[in-house]
Amino acid sequence: MSDGMVLALPGAEYTGGTIMHDAMLWASWYVWLLALPALVIGTLIWDWIQRRQPVRVRRRR
């Protein structure tokens, strides 16, 4: 372990870079971190719009 980096993934190889510089990994995390709040906010807005409509205007399920 004198190379400096310990990998937690089984079968992973040390390529000389660090996980911090893995652009694809960070891009995928950013997509999820942005998608989850957007989904929650979208759901809250949708519920608010549905609550404001009169009952006769709402679609029957």
C-alpha atoms as a PDB file:
ATOM      1  CA  MET A   1       0.000   0.000   0.000  1.00  0.00           C
ATOM      2  CA  SER A   2       2.935   2.323  -0.501  1.00  0.00           C
ATOM      3  CA  ASP A   3       1.377   3.751  -3.698  1.00  0.00           C
ATOM      4  CA  GLY A   4      -0.775   6.012  -1.566  1.00  0.00           C
ATOM      5  CA  MET A   5      -4.351   5.157  -2.537  1.00  0.00           C
ATOM      6  CA  VAL A   6      -6.538   2.391  -1.192  1.00  0.00           C
ATOM      7  CA  LEU A   7      -9.343   1.281  -3.497  1.00  0.00           C
ATOM      8  CA  ALA A   8     -12.571   0.073  -1.951  1.00  0.00           C
ATOM      9  CA  LEU A   9     -13.873  -1.629  -5.086  1.00  0.00           C
ATOM     10  CA  PRO A  10     -12.969  -5.298  -5.524  1.00  0.00           C
ATOM     11  CA  GLY A  11     -10.972  -5.920  -8.672  1.00  0.00           C
ATOM     12  CA  ALA A  12     -10.284  -2.218  -9.220  1.00  0.00           C
ATOM     13  CA  GLU A  13      -6.874  -1.191 -10.455  1.00  0.00           C
ATOM     14  CA  TYR A  14      -4.888   1.862  -9.485  1.00  0.00           C
ATOM     15  CA  THR A  15      -4.425   3.883 -12.676  1.00  0.00           C
ATOM     16  CA  GLY A  16      -2.419   6.745 -11.250  1.00  0.00           C
ATOM     17  CA  GLY A  17      -5.354   9.149 -10.966  1.00  0.00           C
ATOM     18  CA  THR A  18      -7.602   9.721  -8.034  1.00  0.00           C
ATOM     19  CA  ILE A  19     -11.331   9.325  -7.707  1.00  0.00           C
ATOM     20  CA  MET A  20     -11.600  13.095  -7.211  1.00  0.00           C
ATOM     21  CA  HIS A  21     -10.463  13.598 -10.805  1.00  0.00           C
ATOM     22  CA  ASP A  22     -12.865  11.085 -12.332  1.00  0.00           C
ATOM     23  CA  ALA A  23     -15.118  13.386 -14.348  1.00  0.00           C
ATOM     24  CA  MET A  24     -17.660  10.727 -15.292  1.00  0.00           C
ATOM     25  CA  LEU A  25     -18.178   9.729 -11.663  1.00  0.00           C
ATOM     26  CA  TRP A  26     -18.700  13.329 -10.563  1.00  0.00           C
ATOM     27  CA  ALA A  27     -21.010  14.031 -13.525  1.00  0.00           C
ATOM     28  CA  SER A  28     -23.237  11.079 -12.633  1.00  0.00           C
ATOM     29  CA  TRP A  29     -23.390  12.159  -8.974  1.00  0.00           C
ATOM     30  CA  TYR A  30     -24.245  15.728  -9.965  1.00  0.00           C
ATOM     31  CA  VAL A  31     -27.061  14.480 -12.206  1.00  0.00           C
ATOM     32  CA  TRP A  32     -28.594  12.507  -9.326  1.00  0.00           C
ATOM     33  CA  LEU A  33     -28.042  15.270  -6.790  1.00  0.00           C
ATOM     34  CA  LEU A  34     -29.809  17.757  -9.067  1.00  0.00           C
ATOM     35  CA  ALA A  35     -32.542  15.350 -10.180  1.00  0.00           C
ATOM     36  CA  LEU A  36     -33.754  14.432  -6.698  1.00  0.00           C
ATOM     37  CA  PRO A  37     -34.540  17.998  -5.510  1.00  0.00           C
ATOM     38  CA  ALA A  38     -36.073  18.765  -8.912  1.00  0.00           C
ATOM     39  CA  LEU A  39     -38.349  15.740  -8.551  1.00  0.00           C
ATOM     40  CA  VAL A  40     -39.391  16.747  -5.035  1.00  0.00           C
ATOM     41  CA  ILE A  41     -40.025  20.380  -6.012  1.00  0.00           C
ATOM     42  CA  GLY A  42     -41.940  19.284  -9.109  1.00  0.00           C
ATOM     43  CA  THR A  43     -44.106  16.976  -7.005  1.00  0.00           C
ATOM     44  CA  LEU A  44     -44.839  19.754  -4.500  1.00  0.00           C
ATOM     45  CA  ILE A  45     -45.814  22.158  -7.288  1.00  0.00           C
ATOM     46  CA  TRP A  46     -48.008  19.503  -8.941  1.00  0.00           C
ATOM     47  CA  ASP A  47     -49.791  18.780  -5.645  1.00  0.00           C
ATOM     48  CA  TRP A  48     -50.300  22.505  -5.038  1.00  0.00           C
ATOM     49  CA  ILE A  49     -51.819  22.959  -8.521  1.00  0.00           C
ATOM     50  CA  GLN A  50     -54.097  19.951  -8.041  1.00  0.00           C
ATOM     51  CA  ARG A  51     -55.257  21.247  -4.647  1.00  0.00           C
ATOM     52  CA  ARG A  52     -56.135  24.661  -6.107  1.00  0.00           C
ATOM     53  CA  GLN A  53     -58.431  23.193  -8.769  1.00  0.00           C
ATOM     54  CA  PRO A  54     -62.126  22.723  -7.996  1.00  0.00           C
ATOM     55  CA  VAL A  55     -63.162  19.090  -7.566  1.00  0.00           C
ATOM     56  CA  ARG A  56     -65.276  19.109 -10.753  1.00  0.00           C
ATOM     57  CA  VAL A  57     -62.260  20.105 -12.867  1.00  0.00           C
ATOM     58  CA  ARG A  58     -60.000  17.333 -11.574  1.00  0.00           C
ATOM     59  CA  ARG A  59     -59.711  14.183 -13.625  1.00  0.00           C
ATOM     60  CA  ARG A  60     -61.409  11.128 -12.196  1.00  0.00           C
ATOM     61  CA  ARG A  61     -59.115   8.201 -11.455  1.00  0.00           C
END
